[in-house]
C-alpha atoms as a PDB file:
ATOM      1  CA  MET A   1      12.178 -51.443   6.267  1.00  0.00           C
ATOM      2  CA  PRO A   2       9.195 -48.557   5.919  1.00  0.00           C
ATOM      3  CA  PRO A   3      10.279 -45.086   5.137  1.00  0.00           C
ATOM      4  CA  VAL A   4      10.610 -42.653   8.478  1.00  0.00           C
ATOM      5  CA  PRO A   5       7.765 -40.361   8.020  1.00  0.00           C
ATOM      6  CA  ALA A   6       8.240 -37.480   7.697  1.00  0.00           C
ATOM      7  CA  VAL A   7       8.284 -35.322  11.409  1.00  0.00           C
ATOM      8  CA  PRO A   8       7.040 -31.583  11.258  1.00  0.00           C
ATOM      9  CA  ALA A   9       8.972 -28.844  12.957  1.00  0.00           C
ATOM     10  CA  ASP A  10       7.153 -28.136  16.341  1.00  0.00           C
ATOM     11  CA  PRO A  11       5.937 -24.058  16.120  1.00  0.00           C
ATOM     12  CA  THR A  12       5.266 -23.935  19.292  1.00  0.00           C
ATOM     13  CA  VAL A  13       9.209 -24.039  20.850  1.00  0.00           C
ATOM     14  CA  LEU A  14      10.616 -20.758  21.347  1.00  0.00           C
ATOM     15  CA  HIS A  15      13.831 -21.559  20.308  1.00  0.00           C
ATOM     16  CA  PRO A  16      14.053 -23.370  17.278  1.00  0.00           C
ATOM     17  CA  MET A  17      17.454 -24.114  17.109  1.00  0.00           C
ATOM     18  CA  PRO A  18      19.096 -24.932  20.386  1.00  0.00           C
ATOM     19  CA  ASP A  19      22.597 -23.923  19.403  1.00  0.00           C
ATOM     20  CA  HIS A  20      21.478 -20.396  18.503  1.00  0.00           C
ATOM     21  CA  PRO A  21      19.068 -19.028  21.295  1.00  0.00           C
ATOM     22  CA  ARG A  22      19.519 -16.086  18.970  1.00  0.00           C
ATOM     23  CA  VAL A  23      16.561 -17.096  16.951  1.00  0.00           C
ATOM     24  CA  VAL A  24      13.037 -17.643  18.383  1.00  0.00           C
ATOM     25  CA  LEU A  25       9.353 -18.318  16.919  1.00  0.00           C
ATOM     26  CA  LEU A  26       7.166 -14.963  17.520  1.00  0.00           C
ATOM     27  CA  LYS A  27       3.834 -16.939  18.001  1.00  0.00           C
ATOM     28  CA  PRO A  28       5.009 -18.300  21.025  1.00  0.00           C
ATOM     29  CA  LEU A  29       7.066 -15.457  22.169  1.00  0.00           C
ATOM     30  CA  VAL A  30       4.381 -12.374  21.970  1.00  0.00           C
ATOM     31  CA  LYS A  31       2.024 -11.731  24.869  1.00  0.00           C
ATOM     32  CA  SER A  32       0.536  -8.300  23.625  1.00  0.00           C
ATOM     33  CA  PRO A  33      -3.089  -9.238  22.705  1.00  0.00           C
ATOM     34  CA  LEU A  34      -1.739  -6.029  19.570  1.00  0.00           C
ATOM     35  CA  ILE A  35       0.438  -8.291  18.399  1.00  0.00           C
ATOM     36  CA  GLU A  36      -0.644 -11.144  16.226  1.00  0.00           C
ATOM     37  CA  ALA A  37       2.270 -13.789  14.842  1.00  0.00           C
ATOM     38  CA  GLY A  38       1.696 -16.792  12.434  1.00  0.00           C
ATOM     39  CA  GLU A  39       3.328 -19.970  12.978  1.00  0.00           C
ATOM     40  CA  TYR A  40       7.508 -20.664  12.056  1.00  0.00           C
ATOM     41  CA  SER A  41       7.989 -16.725  11.899  1.00  0.00           C
ATOM     42  CA  TYR A  42      10.508 -15.680  13.345  1.00  0.00           C
ATOM     43  CA  TYR A  43      12.688 -12.970  14.855  1.00  0.00           C
ATOM     44  CA  ASP A  44      16.850 -13.349  14.844  1.00  0.00           C
ATOM     45  CA  ASP A  45      18.648 -11.293  16.873  1.00  0.00           C
ATOM     46  CA  PRO A  46      22.075 -11.907  18.815  1.00  0.00           C
ATOM     47  CA  ASP A  47      21.780  -9.147  21.442  1.00  0.00           C
ATOM     48  CA  ASP A  48      18.140  -9.344  23.093  1.00  0.00           C
ATOM     49  CA  PRO A  49      15.467 -11.824  20.633  1.00  0.00           C
ATOM     50  CA  THR A  50      13.165 -12.508  23.066  1.00  0.00           C
ATOM     51  CA  GLY A  51      12.836  -8.829  23.979  1.00  0.00           C
ATOM     52  CA  PHE A  52      10.928  -8.328  19.844  1.00  0.00           C
ATOM     53  CA  GLU A  53       7.987  -6.858  21.259  1.00  0.00           C
ATOM     54  CA  THR A  54       9.143  -3.890  23.335  1.00  0.00           C
ATOM     55  CA  ARG A  55      12.968  -3.394  21.335  1.00  0.00           C
ATOM     56  CA  ASN A  56      11.758  -4.041  17.760  1.00  0.00           C
ATOM     57  CA  VAL A  57       7.312  -2.437  18.386  1.00  0.00           C
ATOM     58  CA  LEU A  58       7.551   0.685  18.929  1.00  0.00           C
ATOM     59  CA  TYR A  59       5.579   3.338  20.030  1.00  0.00           C
ATOM     60  CA  HIS A  60       3.084   0.669  20.207  1.00  0.00           C
ATOM     61  CA  TYR A  61       0.475   2.398  22.567  1.00  0.00           C
ATOM     62  CA  GLY A  62      -2.613   0.492  20.714  1.00  0.00           C
ATOM     63  CA  PRO A  63      -5.679   0.229  19.467  1.00  0.00           C
ATOM     64  CA  GLU A  64      -3.308  -0.592  15.935  1.00  0.00           C
ATOM     65  CA  ARG A  65      -2.374  -3.789  15.828  1.00  0.00           C
ATOM     66  CA  LEU A  66       0.984  -5.276  14.315  1.00  0.00           C
ATOM     67  CA  VAL A  67      -0.231  -8.706  12.259  1.00  0.00           C
ATOM     68  CA  ILE A  68       2.825 -11.018  11.068  1.00  0.00           C
ATOM     69  CA  GLY A  69       1.400 -13.845   9.042  1.00  0.00           C
ATOM     70  CA  LYS A  70       3.085 -17.471   8.662  1.00  0.00           C
ATOM     71  CA  TYR A  71       6.689 -18.480   7.998  1.00  0.00           C
ATOM     72  CA  CYS A  72       8.176 -14.689   7.713  1.00  0.00           C
ATOM     73  CA  ALA A  73      12.085 -14.594   8.211  1.00  0.00           C
ATOM     74  CA  LEU A  74      12.978 -10.755  10.331  1.00  0.00           C
ATOM     75  CA  GLY A  75      16.351 -10.142  10.706  1.00  0.00           C
ATOM     76  CA  THR A  76      18.090  -8.184  12.943  1.00  0.00           C
ATOM     77  CA  GLY A  77      16.813  -4.915  13.965  1.00  0.00           C
ATOM     78  CA  THR A  78      13.751  -5.334  11.824  1.00  0.00           C
ATOM     79  CA  ARG A  79      11.400  -2.508  13.324  1.00  0.00           C
ATOM     80  CA  PHE A  80       7.733  -1.535  13.463  1.00  0.00           C
ATOM     81  CA  ILE A  81       6.820   1.813  14.303  1.00  0.00           C
ATOM     82  CA  MET A  82       3.505   1.712  15.198  1.00  0.00           C
ATOM     83  CA  ASN A  83       1.131   4.861  15.469  1.00  0.00           C
ATOM     84  CA  GLY A  84       1.703   6.317  18.854  1.00  0.00           C
ATOM     85  CA  ALA A  85       4.449   7.932  17.414  1.00  0.00           C
ATOM     86  CA  ASN A  86       2.548  10.542  15.999  1.00  0.00           C
ATOM     87  CA  HIS A  87       2.668  14.226  17.034  1.00  0.00           C
ATOM     88  CA  ARG A  88       0.575  17.036  16.301  1.00  0.00           C
ATOM     89  CA  MET A  89       1.842  19.025  13.660  1.00  0.00           C
ATOM     90  CA  ASP A  90      -0.731  21.588  13.041  1.00  0.00           C
ATOM     91  CA  GLY A  91       0.642  24.196  15.846  1.00  0.00           C
ATOM     92  CA  PRO A  92       4.176  25.500  16.381  1.00  0.00           C
ATOM     93  CA  SER A  93       5.412  23.199  18.420  1.00  0.00           C
ATOM     94  CA  THR A  94       5.460  19.119  17.917  1.00  0.00           C
ATOM     95  CA  PHE A  95       6.098  18.542  21.250  1.00  0.00           C
ATOM     96  CA  PRO A  96       3.825  16.639  23.545  1.00  0.00           C
ATOM     97  CA  PHE A  97       3.744  18.607  26.740  1.00  0.00           C
ATOM     98  CA  PRO A  98       0.922  16.540  27.987  1.00  0.00           C
ATOM     99  CA  THR A  99       3.046  13.316  28.257  1.00  0.00           C
ATOM    100  CA  MET A 100       5.253  14.891  30.458  1.00  0.00           C
ATOM    101  CA  GLY A 101       3.189  15.205  33.549  1.00  0.00           C
ATOM    102  CA  GLY A 102       2.602  17.716  35.792  1.00  0.00           C
ATOM    103  CA  SER A 103       0.350  19.965  35.208  1.00  0.00           C
ATOM    104  CA  TRP A 104       0.723  19.668  31.820  1.00  0.00           C
ATOM    105  CA  THR A 105      -1.585  16.112  31.900  1.00  0.00           C
ATOM    106  CA  GLU A 106      -4.830  18.875  32.162  1.00  0.00           C
ATOM    107  CA  HIS A 107      -4.045  19.464  27.905  1.00  0.00           C
ATOM    108  CA  PHE A 108      -3.940  15.938  27.083  1.00  0.00           C
ATOM    109  CA  ASP A 109      -6.880  16.253  24.751  1.00  0.00           C
ATOM    110  CA  LEU A 110      -4.381  17.693  22.216  1.00  0.00           C
ATOM    111  CA  ILE A 111      -2.946  14.330  22.146  1.00  0.00           C
ATOM    112  CA  THR A 112      -5.288  11.850  21.933  1.00  0.00           C
ATOM    113  CA  GLY A 113      -7.514  11.397  18.385  1.00  0.00           C
ATOM    114  CA  LEU A 114      -4.367  11.825  16.257  1.00  0.00           C
ATOM    115  CA  PRO A 115      -4.716  10.772  12.960  1.00  0.00           C
ATOM    116  CA  GLY A 116      -3.758   7.188  12.234  1.00  0.00           C
ATOM    117  CA  ARG A 117      -2.905   4.888   9.520  1.00  0.00           C
ATOM    118  CA  GLY A 118      -4.426   1.693  11.051  1.00  0.00           C
ATOM    119  CA  ASP A 119      -3.025  -1.618  11.438  1.00  0.00           C
ATOM    120  CA  THR A 120       0.159  -2.986  10.205  1.00  0.00           C
ATOM    121  CA  VAL A 121      -0.335  -6.100   8.229  1.00  0.00           C
ATOM    122  CA  VAL A 122       2.677  -8.401   6.618  1.00  0.00           C
ATOM    123  CA  GLY A 123       1.474 -11.545   4.526  1.00  0.00           C
ATOM    124  CA  ASN A 124       2.566 -14.525   4.605  1.00  0.00           C
ATOM    125  CA  ASP A 125       5.881 -16.508   3.752  1.00  0.00           C
ATOM    126  CA  VAL A 126       7.886 -12.238   3.786  1.00  0.00           C
ATOM    127  CA  TRP A 127      11.723 -11.822   4.172  1.00  0.00           C
ATOM    128  CA  PHE A 128      13.203  -8.627   6.589  1.00  0.00           C
ATOM    129  CA  GLY A 129      16.575  -7.666   5.903  1.00  0.00           C
ATOM    130  CA  HIS A 130      18.644  -6.781   8.582  1.00  0.00           C
ATOM    131  CA  GLY A 131      17.347  -3.501  10.253  1.00  0.00           C
ATOM    132  CA  ALA A 132      14.630  -2.678   8.122  1.00  0.00           C
ATOM    133  CA  THR A 133      11.946  -0.084   9.307  1.00  0.00           C
ATOM    134  CA  VAL A 134       8.192  -0.535   8.630  1.00  0.00           C
ATOM    135  CA  MET A 135       6.492   2.221   9.057  1.00  0.00           C
ATOM    136  CA  PRO A 136       2.392   2.810  10.395  1.00  0.00           C
ATOM    137  CA  GLY A 137      -0.650   1.641   9.012  1.00  0.00           C
ATOM    138  CA  VAL A 138       1.921  -0.543   6.022  1.00  0.00           C
ATOM    139  CA  ARG A 139       0.423  -3.320   4.668  1.00  0.00           C
ATOM    140  CA  ILE A 140       3.288  -5.820   3.160  1.00  0.00           C
ATOM    141  CA  GLY A 141       2.215  -8.421   0.798  1.00  0.00           C
ATOM    142  CA  HIS A 142       2.928 -11.945   0.975  1.00  0.00           C
ATOM    143  CA  GLY A 143       6.426 -13.476  -0.671  1.00  0.00           C
ATOM    144  CA  ALA A 144       7.732 -10.121  -0.283  1.00  0.00           C
ATOM    145  CA  ILE A 145      11.219  -9.010   0.060  1.00  0.00           C
ATOM    146  CA  ILE A 146      12.638  -6.279   2.265  1.00  0.00           C
ATOM    147  CA  ALA A 147      15.756  -5.222   1.608  1.00  0.00           C
ATOM    148  CA  ALA A 148      18.523  -4.709   4.535  1.00  0.00           C
ATOM    149  CA  GLY A 149      17.967  -1.168   6.115  1.00  0.00           C
ATOM    150  CA  ALA A 150      14.710  -0.641   4.060  1.00  0.00           C
ATOM    151  CA  VAL A 151      12.582   2.542   5.118  1.00  0.00           C
ATOM    152  CA  VAL A 152       8.605   1.044   4.547  1.00  0.00           C
ATOM    153  CA  THR A 153       6.838   3.862   4.552  1.00  0.00           C
ATOM    154  CA  GLY A 154       4.004   2.482   1.718  1.00  0.00           C
ATOM    155  CA  ASP A 155       2.067  -0.817   1.043  1.00  0.00           C
ATOM    156  CA  VAL A 156       4.119  -3.497  -0.936  1.00  0.00           C
ATOM    157  CA  PRO A 157       2.885  -5.665  -3.279  1.00  0.00           C
ATOM    158  CA  ASP A 158       2.580  -9.293  -3.617  1.00  0.00           C
ATOM    159  CA  TYR A 159       5.868 -11.102  -3.950  1.00  0.00           C
ATOM    160  CA  GLY A 160       7.461  -7.202  -4.424  1.00  0.00           C
ATOM    161  CA  ILE A 161      11.163  -6.741  -3.928  1.00  0.00           C
ATOM    162  CA  VAL A 162      11.768  -3.186  -1.834  1.00  0.00           C
ATOM    163  CA  GLY A 163      14.604  -0.787  -1.087  1.00  0.00           C
ATOM    164  CA  GLY A 164      16.227   2.334  -0.104  1.00  0.00           C
ATOM    165  CA  ASN A 165      14.828   4.881   2.004  1.00  0.00           C
ATOM    166  CA  PRO A 166      12.084   5.578   1.185  1.00  0.00           C
ATOM    167  CA  ALA A 167      11.338   2.333   0.220  1.00  0.00           C
ATOM    168  CA  ARG A 168      10.706   1.672  -3.401  1.00  0.00           C
ATOM    169  CA  LEU A 169       9.801  -0.836  -5.520  1.00  0.00           C
ATOM    170  CA  ILE A 170      12.546  -2.802  -7.415  1.00  0.00           C
ATOM    171  CA  ARG A 171      11.078  -5.306  -9.025  1.00  0.00           C
ATOM    172  CA  THR A 172       8.360  -7.758  -8.474  1.00  0.00           C
ATOM    173  CA  ARG A 173       9.799 -11.995  -8.279  1.00  0.00           C
ATOM    174  CA  TYR A 174       7.341 -13.410 -10.406  1.00  0.00           C
ATOM    175  CA  ALA A 175       5.329 -11.689 -13.491  1.00  0.00           C
ATOM    176  CA  ALA A 176       1.596 -10.908 -12.424  1.00  0.00           C
ATOM    177  CA  GLU A 177       0.008 -14.513 -13.639  1.00  0.00           C
ATOM    178  CA  ASP A 178       2.474 -16.422 -12.022  1.00  0.00           C
ATOM    179  CA  VAL A 179       1.960 -13.984  -8.595  1.00  0.00           C
ATOM    180  CA  ALA A 180      -1.984 -14.918  -9.105  1.00  0.00           C
ATOM    181  CA  ARG A 181      -1.374 -18.580  -9.486  1.00  0.00           C
ATOM    182  CA  LEU A 182       1.365 -18.411  -6.106  1.00  0.00           C
ATOM    183  CA  LEU A 183      -1.711 -17.042  -4.420  1.00  0.00           C
ATOM    184  CA  ALA A 184      -4.366 -19.623  -5.840  1.00  0.00           C
ATOM    185  CA  VAL A 185      -2.043 -21.761  -4.490  1.00  0.00           C
ATOM    186  CA  ALA A 186      -1.341 -20.568  -0.741  1.00  0.00           C
ATOM    187  CA  TRP A 187       0.938 -22.970   0.117  1.00  0.00           C
ATOM    188  CA  TRP A 188       1.046 -21.421   3.940  1.00  0.00           C
ATOM    189  CA  ASP A 189      -2.039 -22.368   4.433  1.00  0.00           C
ATOM    190  CA  TRP A 190      -1.541 -25.700   4.011  1.00  0.00           C
ATOM    191  CA  PRO A 191      -1.385 -28.556   6.534  1.00  0.00           C
ATOM    192  CA  VAL A 192       2.018 -28.308   8.576  1.00  0.00           C
ATOM    193  CA  GLN A 193       2.134 -31.993   7.547  1.00  0.00           C
ATOM    194  CA  HIS A 194       1.646 -31.511   3.777  1.00  0.00           C
ATOM    195  CA  VAL A 195       4.446 -28.580   4.364  1.00  0.00           C
ATOM    196  CA  THR A 196       6.933 -31.063   5.395  1.00  0.00           C
ATOM    197  CA  GLU A 197       5.990 -33.506   2.776  1.00  0.00           C
ATOM    198  CA  HIS A 198       6.934 -30.714  -0.206  1.00  0.00           C
ATOM    199  CA  VAL A 199       8.952 -28.569   1.931  1.00  0.00           C
ATOM    200  CA  ARG A 200      12.169 -29.628  -1.183  1.00  0.00           C
ATOM    201  CA  THR A 201       8.929 -28.535  -3.733  1.00  0.00           C
ATOM    202  CA  ILE A 202       8.261 -24.916  -1.978  1.00  0.00           C
ATOM    203  CA  MET A 203      11.891 -23.867  -1.578  1.00  0.00           C
ATOM    204  CA  SER A 204      12.968 -24.736  -4.827  1.00  0.00           C
ATOM    205  CA  GLY A 205      10.483 -25.951  -7.262  1.00  0.00           C
ATOM    206  CA  SER A 206       8.377 -24.486 -10.270  1.00  0.00           C
ATOM    207  CA  ILE A 207       5.275 -23.497  -9.885  1.00  0.00           C
ATOM    208  CA  ALA A 208       3.328 -26.102 -11.789  1.00  0.00           C
ATOM    209  CA  GLU A 209       4.969 -28.501  -9.043  1.00  0.00           C
ATOM    210  CA  LEU A 210       3.492 -26.549  -6.018  1.00  0.00           C
ATOM    211  CA  GLU A 211      -0.088 -26.542  -8.050  1.00  0.00           C
ATOM    212  CA  ALA A 212       0.377 -30.243  -8.415  1.00  0.00           C
ATOM    213  CA  ALA A 213       0.927 -30.394  -4.647  1.00  0.00           C
ATOM    214  CA  SER A 214      -2.073 -28.118  -4.051  1.00  0.00           C
ATOM    215  CA  ALA A 215      -4.232 -30.535  -6.200  1.00  0.00           C
ATOM    216  CA  LEU A 216      -3.434 -33.345  -3.732  1.00  0.00           C
ATOM    217  CA  LEU A 217      -5.335 -31.673  -0.954  1.00  0.00           C
ATOM    218  CA  GLY A 218      -7.876 -30.769  -3.613  1.00  0.00           C
ATOM    219  CA  ARG A 219      -6.698 -27.859  -4.553  1.00  0.00           C
ATOM    220  CA  PRO A 220      -6.057 -25.786  -7.566  1.00  0.00           C
END
C-alpha cells in the first residue's frame, strides 16, 4: 500500500480545532486594512477570540499598521496598544478635550499630528504568553518569545526571550551565529507542503537538519 500523502492544515479555516472554539486563525478573521496577519498565526481566548480586532488591538485609529507574521502563537489577553493612545504632554493637561464633542471639537487641531512610533511589526514564529502587552511602534524579531504579563516597550531581537514590565531581554535562544543560520533557512517561507513533510524537524530537529531540509528546495 502506498504511503498516505501528508496533507497540510487549512490556513483558511477560522477554527482550526473544531472542539476548541477558543482558538482562531487570525488571517481569515481580521478585516481591517490596517491589520495584516500571516498564515497559521492564531489567538487563544476562552471568552471572545473572534473579537480580536476590537478587544486586543486598542486605540487603532490609523494610519499605523499592525503586522503579524506567520506561525505566531498569541496567548489569551495578548494586546497591542497602537499610536491612537497617544495624548499631548506639552501643556498642563493631557486630557483630549476635542474628542468629547460639542464646541470642544473646534480645537481638534490640538490632537492631530501627535508624534507616533510607526507600524508595530511582529516577525514569524513568535510566541506571546498570557497577558502580554506590546506598545506602539515595537518591532519583534523572528522566533522571539514574549513572557506572560510582559509589557514590551522596545524592539525585541530575533530569537530573543523578554519578560517583565518594562520587558527586558532575558536571553537569546541561540548564539548569534546560529541565529544567522536560522534566519537564512527561514522555514516559515517554505511552501506549506514542504513544511508539512518536515514538521518534526522544525519542532525538534537541529539547525543542521533544518538546513538539510532547506537544501531540498535549493536554498542554503
